[in-house]
């Protein structure tokens, strides 16, 4: 049976480099940012026709479309770097095209057409079965035998993925807290996430979908526009967001990921530290390859070393001492959780 593995974590932890490394393995189908692209919309309850399932993959992600239209595209948006037939206006960029397909091919539009022609003919079934069929179709298309999905900011999806794919394996990837939080603070996506979390907190709602017009009107003038179809990117880029905000977010996410992993059987869980990946690349990738069910080919291990950027390590140590102390304090809860994480 084809193996299925999900790499979960905070993001900004070397996980994008890991997707590139996995994509270089001839036996691995690397689904880069698949869950970040399609999200919960691709897992509705009940049965779906092939056409209905295809729409969950094709329909543009509204939050990403707003960022593109507002001049705030994420560096992870591979499609916007080499635009094809789709644009944010007027059509929108299909969810599957933004980050998933350009990672696999230089012709994402052609692959999208190919997949769509097949998927719309599929029989009615639940979303998890459609996804297994999609992964199988892509494996056959690219000659791969193991599927690895990796998205940033993905710990929240883990319980649902466990329900949908009970035999799947999970890798929790993490990075030094202050380094990771500092990287988050400089990333437009995580800055936006922080501001949207602030909106929910101020409006006292659990989900943005629960916002009423009255609650939106009560929001500060520098937050409410972020909910519009187009907003001034300076609202995200220039806002002063304390570093401790991102340290607390990092702590929350690594705690969430570690607790989830601890509930899994030992043969379905593994961890991957970014620092260990830098220090012991061959050893860590050999262990990862064994876990996902592929051979650690020597040529693959050699190529992987060239895809890792050692300059990112220790970036937080360049901060002024007071800032580093405050950031480290906000990361302390997550650090303590990681120190007591389940064994490998």
C-alpha atoms as a PDB file:
ATOM      1  CA  UNK A   1       0.000   0.000   0.000  1.00  0.00           C
ATOM      2  CA  UNK A   2       1.201   3.520  -0.818  1.00  0.00           C
ATOM      3  CA  UNK A   3       2.434   5.320   2.315  1.00  0.00           C
ATOM      4  CA  UNK A   4       0.958   8.676   3.354  1.00  0.00           C
ATOM      5  CA  UNK A   5       2.788  11.054   5.671  1.00  0.00           C
ATOM      6  CA  UNK A   6       1.906  14.547   6.899  1.00  0.00           C
ATOM      7  CA  UNK A   7       4.614  16.933   8.076  1.00  0.00           C
ATOM      8  CA  UNK A   8       3.019  19.312  10.568  1.00  0.00           C
ATOM      9  CA  UNK A   9       4.487  22.282  12.379  1.00  0.00           C
ATOM     10  CA  UNK A  10       4.648  25.999  12.924  1.00  0.00           C
ATOM     11  CA  UNK A  11       6.099  26.910   9.551  1.00  0.00           C
ATOM     12  CA  UNK A  12       9.183  29.159   9.266  1.00  0.00           C
ATOM     13  CA  UNK A  13      11.073  26.095  10.453  1.00  0.00           C
ATOM     14  CA  UNK A  14      12.918  24.965   7.355  1.00  0.00           C
ATOM     15  CA  UNK A  15       9.850  23.082   6.195  1.00  0.00           C
ATOM     16  CA  UNK A  16       9.791  24.686   2.727  1.00  0.00           C
ATOM     17  CA  UNK A  17      13.359  23.480   2.216  1.00  0.00           C
ATOM     18  CA  UNK A  18      12.203  20.055   3.380  1.00  0.00           C
ATOM     19  CA  UNK A  19       9.503  20.039   0.676  1.00  0.00           C
ATOM     20  CA  UNK A  20      12.171  20.758  -1.934  1.00  0.00           C
ATOM     21  CA  UNK A  21      14.379  18.006  -0.521  1.00  0.00           C
ATOM     22  CA  UNK A  22      11.524  15.497  -0.581  1.00  0.00           C
ATOM     23  CA  UNK A  23      10.576  16.548  -4.110  1.00  0.00           C
ATOM     24  CA  UNK A  24      14.107  15.658  -5.213  1.00  0.00           C
ATOM     25  CA  UNK A  25      13.611  12.051  -4.112  1.00  0.00           C
ATOM     26  CA  UNK A  26      12.516   9.940  -7.114  1.00  0.00           C
ATOM     27  CA  UNK A  27      10.051   7.918  -5.010  1.00  0.00           C
ATOM     28  CA  UNK A  28       8.357  10.747  -3.075  1.00  0.00           C
ATOM     29  CA  UNK A  29       5.322  12.726  -4.186  1.00  0.00           C
ATOM     30  CA  UNK A  30       5.911  15.999  -2.356  1.00  0.00           C
ATOM     31  CA  UNK A  31       2.607  17.824  -1.857  1.00  0.00           C
ATOM     32  CA  UNK A  32       3.859  21.275  -0.986  1.00  0.00           C
ATOM     33  CA  UNK A  33       1.336  23.404   0.997  1.00  0.00           C
ATOM     34  CA  UNK A  34      -1.576  21.200  -0.077  1.00  0.00           C
ATOM     35  CA  UNK A  35      -3.549  21.688   3.139  1.00  0.00           C
ATOM     36  CA  UNK A  36      -2.673  25.378   3.290  1.00  0.00           C
ATOM     37  CA  UNK A  37      -4.068  25.686  -0.233  1.00  0.00           C
ATOM     38  CA  UNK A  38      -7.319  23.730   0.015  1.00  0.00           C
ATOM     39  CA  UNK A  39      -7.899  23.720   3.782  1.00  0.00           C
ATOM     40  CA  UNK A  40     -11.059  22.465   5.420  1.00  0.00           C
ATOM     41  CA  UNK A  41     -13.070  23.295   2.300  1.00  0.00           C
ATOM     42  CA  UNK A  42     -11.738  20.110   0.676  1.00  0.00           C
ATOM     43  CA  UNK A  43     -13.086  17.927   3.490  1.00  0.00           C
ATOM     44  CA  UNK A  44     -16.835  18.595   3.657  1.00  0.00           C
ATOM     45  CA  UNK A  45     -19.111  16.115   5.366  1.00  0.00           C
ATOM     46  CA  UNK A  46     -21.010  13.543   3.344  1.00  0.00           C
ATOM     47  CA  UNK A  47     -20.396  12.244  -0.138  1.00  0.00           C
ATOM     48  CA  UNK A  48     -19.240  14.321  -3.096  1.00  0.00           C
ATOM     49  CA  UNK A  49     -19.419  13.784  -6.812  1.00  0.00           C
ATOM     50  CA  UNK A  50     -16.185  14.063  -8.749  1.00  0.00           C
ATOM     51  CA  UNK A  51     -17.261  17.490 -10.008  1.00  0.00           C
ATOM     52  CA  UNK A  52     -18.030  18.690  -6.472  1.00  0.00           C
ATOM     53  CA  UNK A  53     -14.683  17.434  -5.199  1.00  0.00           C
ATOM     54  CA  UNK A  54     -12.855  19.109  -8.074  1.00  0.00           C
ATOM     55  CA  UNK A  55     -14.429  22.429  -7.158  1.00  0.00           C
ATOM     56  CA  UNK A  56     -12.960  22.189  -3.652  1.00  0.00           C
ATOM     57  CA  UNK A  57      -9.519  21.959  -5.275  1.00  0.00           C
ATOM     58  CA  UNK A  58     -10.131  24.463  -8.046  1.00  0.00           C
ATOM     59  CA  UNK A  59     -11.969  27.242  -6.192  1.00  0.00           C
ATOM     60  CA  UNK A  60      -9.497  30.026  -5.270  1.00  0.00           C
ATOM     61  CA  UNK A  61      -8.722  30.448  -1.570  1.00  0.00           C
ATOM     62  CA  UNK A  62     -10.387  33.755  -0.575  1.00  0.00           C
ATOM     63  CA  UNK A  63      -7.795  34.795   2.029  1.00  0.00           C
ATOM     64  CA  UNK A  64      -4.908  34.274  -0.379  1.00  0.00           C
ATOM     65  CA  UNK A  65      -6.746  36.066  -3.176  1.00  0.00           C
ATOM     66  CA  UNK A  66      -7.242  39.101  -0.912  1.00  0.00           C
ATOM     67  CA  UNK A  67      -3.525  39.184  -0.185  1.00  0.00           C
ATOM     68  CA  UNK A  68      -2.591  38.994  -3.863  1.00  0.00           C
ATOM     69  CA  UNK A  69      -5.093  41.681  -4.873  1.00  0.00           C
ATOM     70  CA  UNK A  70      -3.789  43.893  -2.076  1.00  0.00           C
ATOM     71  CA  UNK A  71      -0.192  43.642  -3.244  1.00  0.00           C
ATOM     72  CA  UNK A  72       0.870  41.352  -0.412  1.00  0.00           C
ATOM     73  CA  UNK A  73       1.629  37.982  -2.062  1.00  0.00           C
ATOM     74  CA  UNK A  74       3.488  35.442   0.038  1.00  0.00           C
ATOM     75  CA  UNK A  75       6.906  34.169  -1.063  1.00  0.00           C
ATOM     76  CA  UNK A  76       5.356  30.678  -1.013  1.00  0.00           C
ATOM     77  CA  UNK A  77       3.013  31.603  -3.887  1.00  0.00           C
ATOM     78  CA  UNK A  78       4.940  29.842  -6.643  1.00  0.00           C
ATOM     79  CA  UNK A  79       2.350  30.468  -9.350  1.00  0.00           C
ATOM     80  CA  UNK A  80       2.592  34.265  -9.107  1.00  0.00           C
ATOM     81  CA  UNK A  81       6.336  34.094  -9.778  1.00  0.00           C
ATOM     82  CA  UNK A  82       5.756  32.489 -13.180  1.00  0.00           C
ATOM     83  CA  UNK A  83       2.167  33.458 -14.029  1.00  0.00           C
ATOM     84  CA  UNK A  84       0.081  31.238 -16.253  1.00  0.00           C
ATOM     85  CA  UNK A  85      -3.437  31.699 -17.591  1.00  0.00           C
ATOM     86  CA  UNK A  86      -4.975  32.533 -14.191  1.00  0.00           C
ATOM     87  CA  UNK A  87      -4.747  35.845 -12.344  1.00  0.00           C
ATOM     88  CA  UNK A  88      -6.195  37.141  -9.092  1.00  0.00           C
ATOM     89  CA  UNK A  89      -8.535  39.292 -11.153  1.00  0.00           C
ATOM     90  CA  UNK A  90     -10.942  38.544 -12.636  1.00  0.00           C
ATOM     91  CA  UNK A  91     -10.799  34.737 -12.379  1.00  0.00           C
ATOM     92  CA  UNK A  92      -8.741  34.081  -9.266  1.00  0.00           C
ATOM     93  CA  UNK A  93      -5.932  31.528  -9.102  1.00  0.00           C
ATOM     94  CA  UNK A  94      -7.137  27.949  -8.513  1.00  0.00           C
ATOM     95  CA  UNK A  95      -6.267  26.727  -5.022  1.00  0.00           C
ATOM     96  CA  UNK A  96      -4.313  23.768  -6.345  1.00  0.00           C
ATOM     97  CA  UNK A  97      -2.321  25.984  -8.704  1.00  0.00           C
ATOM     98  CA  UNK A  98      -0.992  28.530  -6.246  1.00  0.00           C
ATOM     99  CA  UNK A  99       1.613  26.405  -4.445  1.00  0.00           C
ATOM    100  CA  UNK A 100       0.987  22.689  -5.042  1.00  0.00           C
ATOM    101  CA  UNK A 101       1.248  22.141  -8.785  1.00  0.00           C
ATOM    102  CA  UNK A 102       4.154  24.539  -9.571  1.00  0.00           C
ATOM    103  CA  UNK A 103       6.186  22.551  -7.045  1.00  0.00           C
ATOM    104  CA  UNK A 104       5.663  19.428  -9.165  1.00  0.00           C
ATOM    105  CA  UNK A 105       5.887  20.721 -12.730  1.00  0.00           C
ATOM    106  CA  UNK A 106       6.906  23.658 -14.908  1.00  0.00           C
ATOM    107  CA  UNK A 107       3.472  23.445 -16.582  1.00  0.00           C
ATOM    108  CA  UNK A 108       0.968  23.812 -13.713  1.00  0.00           C
ATOM    109  CA  UNK A 109      -1.842  24.859 -16.053  1.00  0.00           C
ATOM    110  CA  UNK A 110      -1.397  21.727 -18.143  1.00  0.00           C
ATOM    111  CA  UNK A 111      -1.339  19.503 -15.053  1.00  0.00           C
ATOM    112  CA  UNK A 112      -4.435  21.244 -13.689  1.00  0.00           C
ATOM    113  CA  UNK A 113      -6.295  20.508 -16.925  1.00  0.00           C
ATOM    114  CA  UNK A 114      -5.132  16.904 -16.856  1.00  0.00           C
ATOM    115  CA  UNK A 115      -6.265  16.372 -13.278  1.00  0.00           C
ATOM    116  CA  UNK A 116      -9.575  18.125 -13.771  1.00  0.00           C
ATOM    117  CA  UNK A 117     -10.474  16.006 -16.781  1.00  0.00           C
ATOM    118  CA  UNK A 118     -10.025  12.874 -14.686  1.00  0.00           C
ATOM    119  CA  UNK A 119     -11.458  13.972 -11.335  1.00  0.00           C
ATOM    120  CA  UNK A 120     -14.789  15.286 -12.617  1.00  0.00           C
ATOM    121  CA  UNK A 121     -15.624  11.768 -13.864  1.00  0.00           C
ATOM    122  CA  UNK A 122     -15.075  10.144 -10.475  1.00  0.00           C
ATOM    123  CA  UNK A 123     -17.981   8.482  -8.653  1.00  0.00           C
ATOM    124  CA  UNK A 124     -19.699   9.861  -5.574  1.00  0.00           C
ATOM    125  CA  UNK A 125     -17.783   9.142  -2.343  1.00  0.00           C
ATOM    126  CA  UNK A 126     -16.536  10.824   0.820  1.00  0.00           C
ATOM    127  CA  UNK A 127     -13.771  13.421   0.637  1.00  0.00           C
ATOM    128  CA  UNK A 128     -11.081  11.202   2.187  1.00  0.00           C
ATOM    129  CA  UNK A 129     -11.588   8.585  -0.546  1.00  0.00           C
ATOM    130  CA  UNK A 130     -11.415  11.282  -3.207  1.00  0.00           C
ATOM    131  CA  UNK A 131      -8.147  12.499  -1.721  1.00  0.00           C
ATOM    132  CA  UNK A 132      -6.656   9.007  -1.707  1.00  0.00           C
ATOM    133  CA  UNK A 133      -7.615   8.678  -5.367  1.00  0.00           C
ATOM    134  CA  UNK A 134      -6.071  12.080  -6.139  1.00  0.00           C
ATOM    135  CA  UNK A 135      -2.832  11.152  -4.411  1.00  0.00           C
ATOM    136  CA  UNK A 136      -2.804   7.874  -6.305  1.00  0.00           C
ATOM    137  CA  UNK A 137      -3.391   9.655  -9.604  1.00  0.00           C
ATOM    138  CA  UNK A 138      -0.470  12.003  -8.950  1.00  0.00           C
ATOM    139  CA  UNK A 139       1.779   9.141  -7.863  1.00  0.00           C
ATOM    140  CA  UNK A 140       1.026   7.315 -11.094  1.00  0.00           C
ATOM    141  CA  UNK A 141       1.560  10.510 -13.106  1.00  0.00           C
ATOM    142  CA  UNK A 142       5.016  11.152 -11.611  1.00  0.00           C
ATOM    143  CA  UNK A 143       6.086   7.575 -10.879  1.00  0.00           C
ATOM    144  CA  UNK A 144       6.180   8.003  -7.090  1.00  0.00           C
ATOM    145  CA  UNK A 145       5.375   5.511  -4.345  1.00  0.00           C
ATOM    146  CA  UNK A 146       5.208   7.567  -1.122  1.00  0.00           C
ATOM    147  CA  UNK A 147       3.080  10.661  -0.492  1.00  0.00           C
ATOM    148  CA  UNK A 148       4.290  13.415   1.853  1.00  0.00           C
ATOM    149  CA  UNK A 149       2.121  16.484   2.441  1.00  0.00           C
ATOM    150  CA  UNK A 150       3.792  19.457   4.103  1.00  0.00           C
ATOM    151  CA  UNK A 151       2.168  22.777   4.973  1.00  0.00           C
ATOM    152  CA  UNK A 152       3.277  25.580   7.251  1.00  0.00           C
ATOM    153  CA  UNK A 153       1.087  26.616  10.191  1.00  0.00           C
ATOM    154  CA  UNK A 154      -0.490  23.177  10.025  1.00  0.00           C
ATOM    155  CA  UNK A 155      -0.821  21.778  13.551  1.00  0.00           C
ATOM    156  CA  UNK A 156      -4.498  22.730  13.685  1.00  0.00           C
ATOM    157  CA  UNK A 157      -5.326  20.422  10.785  1.00  0.00           C
ATOM    158  CA  UNK A 158      -3.663  17.373  12.337  1.00  0.00           C
ATOM    159  CA  UNK A 159      -6.652  15.950  14.276  1.00  0.00           C
ATOM    160  CA  UNK A 160      -8.908  16.158  11.213  1.00  0.00           C
ATOM    161  CA  UNK A 161      -6.271  14.526   9.031  1.00  0.00           C
ATOM    162  CA  UNK A 162      -5.912  11.763  11.582  1.00  0.00           C
ATOM    163  CA  UNK A 163      -9.667  11.131  11.390  1.00  0.00           C
ATOM    164  CA  UNK A 164      -9.718  11.185   7.591  1.00  0.00           C
ATOM    165  CA  UNK A 165      -6.570   9.065   7.206  1.00  0.00           C
ATOM    166  CA  UNK A 166      -6.270   6.856  10.315  1.00  0.00           C
ATOM    167  CA  UNK A 167      -3.260   4.947   8.980  1.00  0.00           C
ATOM    168  CA  UNK A 168      -1.274   8.053   7.990  1.00  0.00           C
ATOM    169  CA  UNK A 169       2.066   8.859   9.595  1.00  0.00           C
ATOM    170  CA  UNK A 170       2.887  12.242  11.083  1.00  0.00           C
ATOM    171  CA  UNK A 171       6.166  14.120  11.439  1.00  0.00           C
ATOM    172  CA  UNK A 172       6.291  17.113  13.772  1.00  0.00           C
ATOM    173  CA  UNK A 173       8.912  19.545  12.461  1.00  0.00           C
ATOM    174  CA  UNK A 174      10.127  22.385  14.653  1.00  0.00           C
ATOM    175  CA  UNK A 175      12.875  24.970  14.973  1.00  0.00           C
ATOM    176  CA  UNK A 176      14.524  26.909  17.793  1.00  0.00           C
ATOM    177  CA  UNK A 177      11.791  29.108  19.264  1.00  0.00           C
ATOM    178  CA  UNK A 178      13.363  32.589  19.129  1.00  0.00           C
ATOM    179  CA  UNK A 179      14.761  32.006  15.628  1.00  0.00           C
ATOM    180  CA  UNK A 180      11.403  30.742  14.361  1.00  0.00           C
ATOM    181  CA  UNK A 181       9.393  33.504  16.038  1.00  0.00           C
ATOM    182  CA  UNK A 182      11.713  36.180  14.645  1.00  0.00           C
ATOM    183  CA  UNK A 183      11.238  34.728  11.158  1.00  0.00           C
ATOM    184  CA  UNK A 184       7.456  34.792  11.681  1.00  0.00           C
ATOM    185  CA  UNK A 185       7.621  38.457  12.660  1.00  0.00           C
ATOM    186  CA  UNK A 186       9.164  39.335   9.282  1.00  0.00           C
ATOM    187  CA  UNK A 187       6.811  37.228   7.154  1.00  0.00           C
ATOM    188  CA  UNK A 188       3.677  38.876   5.686  1.00  0.00           C
ATOM    189  CA  UNK A 189       1.626  35.726   6.168  1.00  0.00           C
ATOM    190  CA  UNK A 190       2.369  35.399   9.873  1.00  0.00           C
ATOM    191  CA  UNK A 191       1.959  39.130  10.401  1.00  0.00           C
ATOM    192  CA  UNK A 192      -1.480  38.813   8.808  1.00  0.00           C
ATOM    193  CA  UNK A 193      -2.267  35.771  10.953  1.00  0.00           C
ATOM    194  CA  UNK A 194      -1.330  37.753  14.058  1.00  0.00           C
ATOM    195  CA  UNK A 195      -3.614  40.633  13.078  1.00  0.00           C
ATOM    196  CA  UNK A 196      -6.530  38.339  12.253  1.00  0.00           C
ATOM    197  CA  UNK A 197      -6.099  36.690  15.637  1.00  0.00           C
ATOM    198  CA  UNK A 198      -6.222  40.162  17.179  1.00  0.00           C
ATOM    199  CA  UNK A 199      -9.461  40.858  15.291  1.00  0.00           C
ATOM    200  CA  UNK A 200     -11.025  37.682  16.696  1.00  0.00           C
ATOM    201  CA  UNK A 201      -9.868  38.542  20.198  1.00  0.00           C
ATOM    202  CA  UNK A 202     -11.211  42.085  20.061  1.00  0.00           C
ATOM    203  CA  UNK A 203     -14.515  40.953  18.545  1.00  0.00           C
ATOM    204  CA  UNK A 204     -14.703  38.027  20.997  1.00  0.00           C
ATOM    205  CA  UNK A 205     -15.395  35.425  18.322  1.00  0.00           C
ATOM    206  CA  UNK A 206     -13.814  32.027  17.727  1.00  0.00           C
ATOM    207  CA  UNK A 207     -13.971  32.291  13.936  1.00  0.00           C
ATOM    208  CA  UNK A 208     -13.898  35.136  11.437  1.00  0.00           C
ATOM    209  CA  UNK A 209     -17.060  33.611  10.010  1.00  0.00           C
ATOM    210  CA  UNK A 210     -18.813  34.562  13.249  1.00  0.00           C
ATOM    211  CA  UNK A 211     -18.173  38.275  12.743  1.00  0.00           C
ATOM    212  CA  UNK A 212     -21.364  40.305  12.400  1.00  0.00           C
ATOM    213  CA  UNK A 213     -21.466  43.684  10.594  1.00  0.00           C
ATOM    214  CA  UNK A 214     -21.870  45.353  13.983  1.00  0.00           C
ATOM    215  CA  UNK A 215     -18.724  43.706  15.347  1.00  0.00           C
ATOM    216  CA  UNK A 216     -16.763  44.637  12.217  1.00  0.00           C
ATOM    217  CA  UNK A 217     -17.815  48.282  12.548  1.00  0.00           C
ATOM    218  CA  UNK A 218     -16.624  48.260  16.156  1.00  0.00           C
ATOM    219  CA  UNK A 219     -13.096  47.210  15.168  1.00  0.00           C
ATOM    220  CA  UNK A 220     -10.246  49.756  15.110  1.00  0.00           C
ATOM    221  CA  UNK A 221      -9.692  51.542  11.810  1.00  0.00           C
ATOM    222  CA  UNK A 222      -6.313  49.849  11.340  1.00  0.00           C
ATOM    223  CA  UNK A 223      -7.808  46.337  11.643  1.00  0.00           C
ATOM    224  CA  UNK A 224     -11.249  46.361  10.020  1.00  0.00           C
ATOM    225  CA  UNK A 225      -9.924  46.996   6.464  1.00  0.00           C
ATOM    226  CA  UNK A 226      -8.048  43.677   6.579  1.00  0.00           C
ATOM    227  CA  UNK A 227     -11.428  41.972   6.117  1.00  0.00           C
ATOM    228  CA  UNK A 228     -12.103  43.823   2.854  1.00  0.00           C
ATOM    229  CA  UNK A 229     -11.555  42.337  -0.589  1.00  0.00           C
ATOM    230  CA  UNK A 230      -8.632  44.731  -1.007  1.00  0.00           C
ATOM    231  CA  UNK A 231      -6.641  46.513   1.687  1.00  0.00           C
ATOM    232  CA  UNK A 232      -3.574  48.717   2.051  1.00  0.00           C
ATOM    233  CA  UNK A 233      -0.590  46.346   2.462  1.00  0.00           C
ATOM    234  CA  UNK A 234       1.034  48.905   4.776  1.00  0.00           C
ATOM    235  CA  UNK A 235      -1.525  47.884   7.387  1.00  0.00           C
ATOM    236  CA  UNK A 236       0.342  44.576   7.601  1.00  0.00           C
ATOM    237  CA  UNK A 237       3.877  45.581   6.680  1.00  0.00           C
ATOM    238  CA  UNK A 238       4.219  48.681   8.854  1.00  0.00           C
ATOM    239  CA  UNK A 239       2.257  47.799  11.985  1.00  0.00           C
ATOM    240  CA  UNK A 240       4.336  47.525  15.145  1.00  0.00           C
ATOM    241  CA  UNK A 241       3.711  43.991  16.398  1.00  0.00           C
ATOM    242  CA  UNK A 242       5.709  43.037  19.513  1.00  0.00           C
ATOM    243  CA  UNK A 243       8.108  40.142  19.024  1.00  0.00           C
ATOM    244  CA  UNK A 244       6.612  38.411  22.062  1.00  0.00           C
ATOM    245  CA  UNK A 245       3.380  38.018  20.077  1.00  0.00           C
ATOM    246  CA  UNK A 246       5.182  35.660  17.713  1.00  0.00           C
ATOM    247  CA  UNK A 247       6.996  33.927  20.551  1.00  0.00           C
ATOM    248  CA  UNK A 248       3.649  33.168  22.157  1.00  0.00           C
ATOM    249  CA  UNK A 249       2.285  31.956  18.818  1.00  0.00           C
ATOM    250  CA  UNK A 250       5.287  29.653  18.397  1.00  0.00           C
ATOM    251  CA  UNK A 251       4.760  28.267  21.899  1.00  0.00           C
ATOM    252  CA  UNK A 252       1.076  27.665  21.203  1.00  0.00           C
ATOM    253  CA  UNK A 253       1.750  25.843  17.948  1.00  0.00           C
ATOM    254  CA  UNK A 254       4.585  23.596  19.176  1.00  0.00           C
ATOM    255  CA  UNK A 255       2.492  22.702  22.217  1.00  0.00           C
ATOM    256  CA  UNK A 256      -0.423  21.807  19.937  1.00  0.00           C
ATOM    257  CA  UNK A 257       1.789  19.711  17.654  1.00  0.00           C
ATOM    258  CA  UNK A 258       3.592  17.928  20.491  1.00  0.00           C
ATOM    259  CA  UNK A 259       0.369  17.003  22.265  1.00  0.00           C
ATOM    260  CA  UNK A 260      -1.111  15.657  19.051  1.00  0.00           C
ATOM    261  CA  UNK A 261       1.956  13.565  18.351  1.00  0.00           C
ATOM    262  CA  UNK A 262       1.884  12.139  21.853  1.00  0.00           C
ATOM    263  CA  UNK A 263      -1.569  10.643  21.190  1.00  0.00           C
ATOM    264  CA  UNK A 264      -0.367   8.607  18.200  1.00  0.00           C
ATOM    265  CA  UNK A 265       1.013   5.052  18.179  1.00  0.00           C
ATOM    266  CA  UNK A 266       4.799   5.091  18.145  1.00  0.00           C
ATOM    267  CA  UNK A 267       4.997   3.678  14.613  1.00  0.00           C
ATOM    268  CA  UNK A 268       2.908   6.558  13.243  1.00  0.00           C
ATOM    269  CA  UNK A 269       4.843   9.459  14.725  1.00  0.00           C
ATOM    270  CA  UNK A 270       8.238  11.037  14.334  1.00  0.00           C
ATOM    271  CA  UNK A 271       9.907  14.379  14.950  1.00  0.00           C
ATOM    272  CA  UNK A 272      12.333  16.487  12.958  1.00  0.00           C
ATOM    273  CA  UNK A 273      14.339  19.341  14.409  1.00  0.00           C
ATOM    274  CA  UNK A 274      15.590  21.919  11.917  1.00  0.00           C
ATOM    275  CA  UNK A 275      18.816  22.282  13.861  1.00  0.00           C
ATOM    276  CA  UNK A 276      19.409  18.525  13.811  1.00  0.00           C
ATOM    277  CA  UNK A 277      18.686  18.527  10.082  1.00  0.00           C
ATOM    278  CA  UNK A 278      21.445  21.110   9.604  1.00  0.00           C
ATOM    279  CA  UNK A 279      23.927  19.377  11.907  1.00  0.00           C
ATOM    280  CA  UNK A 280      23.298  15.746  10.940  1.00  0.00           C
ATOM    281  CA  UNK A 281      21.739  15.963   7.496  1.00  0.00           C
ATOM    282  CA  UNK A 282      22.478  12.427   6.320  1.00  0.00           C
ATOM    283  CA  UNK A 283      21.427  10.835   9.612  1.00  0.00           C
ATOM    284  CA  UNK A 284      18.173  12.772   9.935  1.00  0.00           C
ATOM    285  CA  UNK A 285      17.136  12.303   6.307  1.00  0.00           C
ATOM    286  CA  UNK A 286      17.983   8.601   6.460  1.00  0.00           C
ATOM    287  CA  UNK A 287      15.737   8.292   9.506  1.00  0.00           C
ATOM    288  CA  UNK A 288      12.989  10.293   7.744  1.00  0.00           C
ATOM    289  CA  UNK A 289      13.244   8.200   4.582  1.00  0.00           C
ATOM    290  CA  UNK A 290      12.888   5.027   6.606  1.00  0.00           C
ATOM    291  CA  UNK A 291       9.853   6.447   8.392  1.00  0.00           C
ATOM    292  CA  UNK A 292       8.010   7.413   5.190  1.00  0.00           C
ATOM    293  CA  UNK A 293       8.968   4.182   3.447  1.00  0.00           C
ATOM    294  CA  UNK A 294      11.595   5.070   0.834  1.00  0.00           C
ATOM    295  CA  UNK A 295      15.297   4.321   0.457  1.00  0.00           C
ATOM    296  CA  UNK A 296      17.833   6.993   1.539  1.00  0.00           C
ATOM    297  CA  UNK A 297      19.584   7.092  -1.817  1.00  0.00           C
ATOM    298  CA  UNK A 298      23.151   8.451  -1.612  1.00  0.00           C
ATOM    299  CA  UNK A 299      22.667  10.844  -4.528  1.00  0.00           C
ATOM    300  CA  UNK A 300      19.546  12.231  -2.846  1.00  0.00           C
ATOM    301  CA  UNK A 301      21.349  12.790   0.451  1.00  0.00           C
ATOM    302  CA  UNK A 302      24.149  14.583  -1.378  1.00  0.00           C
ATOM    303  CA  UNK A 303      21.714  16.866  -3.231  1.00  0.00           C
ATOM    304  CA  UNK A 304      19.830  17.633  -0.018  1.00  0.00           C
ATOM    305  CA  UNK A 305      22.833  19.329   1.549  1.00  0.00           C
ATOM    306  CA  UNK A 306      22.782  21.958  -1.174  1.00  0.00           C
ATOM    307  CA  UNK A 307      19.143  22.826  -0.420  1.00  0.00           C
ATOM    308  CA  UNK A 308      19.737  23.758   3.230  1.00  0.00           C
ATOM    309  CA  UNK A 309      20.574  27.326   4.256  1.00  0.00           C
ATOM    310  CA  UNK A 310      22.778  27.339   7.345  1.00  0.00           C
ATOM    311  CA  UNK A 311      22.816  31.157   7.515  1.00  0.00           C
ATOM    312  CA  UNK A 312      19.331  31.248   9.036  1.00  0.00           C
ATOM    313  CA  UNK A 313      20.486  29.569  12.222  1.00  0.00           C
ATOM    314  CA  UNK A 314      20.980  31.734  15.307  1.00  0.00           C
ATOM    315  CA  UNK A 315      19.327  34.820  13.788  1.00  0.00           C
ATOM    316  CA  UNK A 316      17.626  35.767  17.072  1.00  0.00           C
ATOM    317  CA  UNK A 317      20.988  35.974  18.840  1.00  0.00           C
ATOM    318  CA  UNK A 318      21.705  39.116  16.805  1.00  0.00           C
ATOM    319  CA  UNK A 319      18.872  40.970  18.552  1.00  0.00           C
ATOM    320  CA  UNK A 320      19.590  43.483  21.350  1.00  0.00           C
ATOM    321  CA  UNK A 321      19.848  41.644  24.663  1.00  0.00           C
ATOM    322  CA  UNK A 322      16.593  43.029  26.074  1.00  0.00           C
ATOM    323  CA  UNK A 323      14.616  42.058  22.973  1.00  0.00           C
ATOM    324  CA  UNK A 324      16.132  38.574  22.927  1.00  0.00           C
ATOM    325  CA  UNK A 325      15.322  38.083  26.618  1.00  0.00           C
ATOM    326  CA  UNK A 326      11.693  39.090  26.089  1.00  0.00           C
ATOM    327  CA  UNK A 327      11.386  36.878  23.028  1.00  0.00           C
ATOM    328  CA  UNK A 328      12.991  33.917  24.798  1.00  0.00           C
ATOM    329  CA  UNK A 329      10.614  34.334  27.720  1.00  0.00           C
ATOM    330  CA  UNK A 330       7.584  34.201  25.401  1.00  0.00           C
ATOM    331  CA  UNK A 331       9.011  31.042  23.792  1.00  0.00           C
ATOM    332  CA  UNK A 332       9.755  29.371  27.136  1.00  0.00           C
ATOM    333  CA  UNK A 333       6.433  27.476  27.443  1.00  0.00           C
ATOM    334  CA  UNK A 334       6.904  25.856  24.046  1.00  0.00           C
ATOM    335  CA  UNK A 335      10.550  25.109  24.723  1.00  0.00           C
ATOM    336  CA  UNK A 336       9.621  23.262  27.912  1.00  0.00           C
ATOM    337  CA  UNK A 337       7.009  21.242  26.013  1.00  0.00           C
ATOM    338  CA  UNK A 338       9.539  20.238  23.353  1.00  0.00           C
ATOM    339  CA  UNK A 339      12.035  19.154  25.986  1.00  0.00           C
ATOM    340  CA  UNK A 340       9.491  16.647  27.274  1.00  0.00           C
ATOM    341  CA  UNK A 341       8.216  15.511  23.849  1.00  0.00           C
ATOM    342  CA  UNK A 342       7.617  11.842  22.976  1.00  0.00           C
ATOM    343  CA  UNK A 343      10.744   9.947  21.984  1.00  0.00           C
ATOM    344  CA  UNK A 344      11.603   9.194  18.396  1.00  0.00           C
END
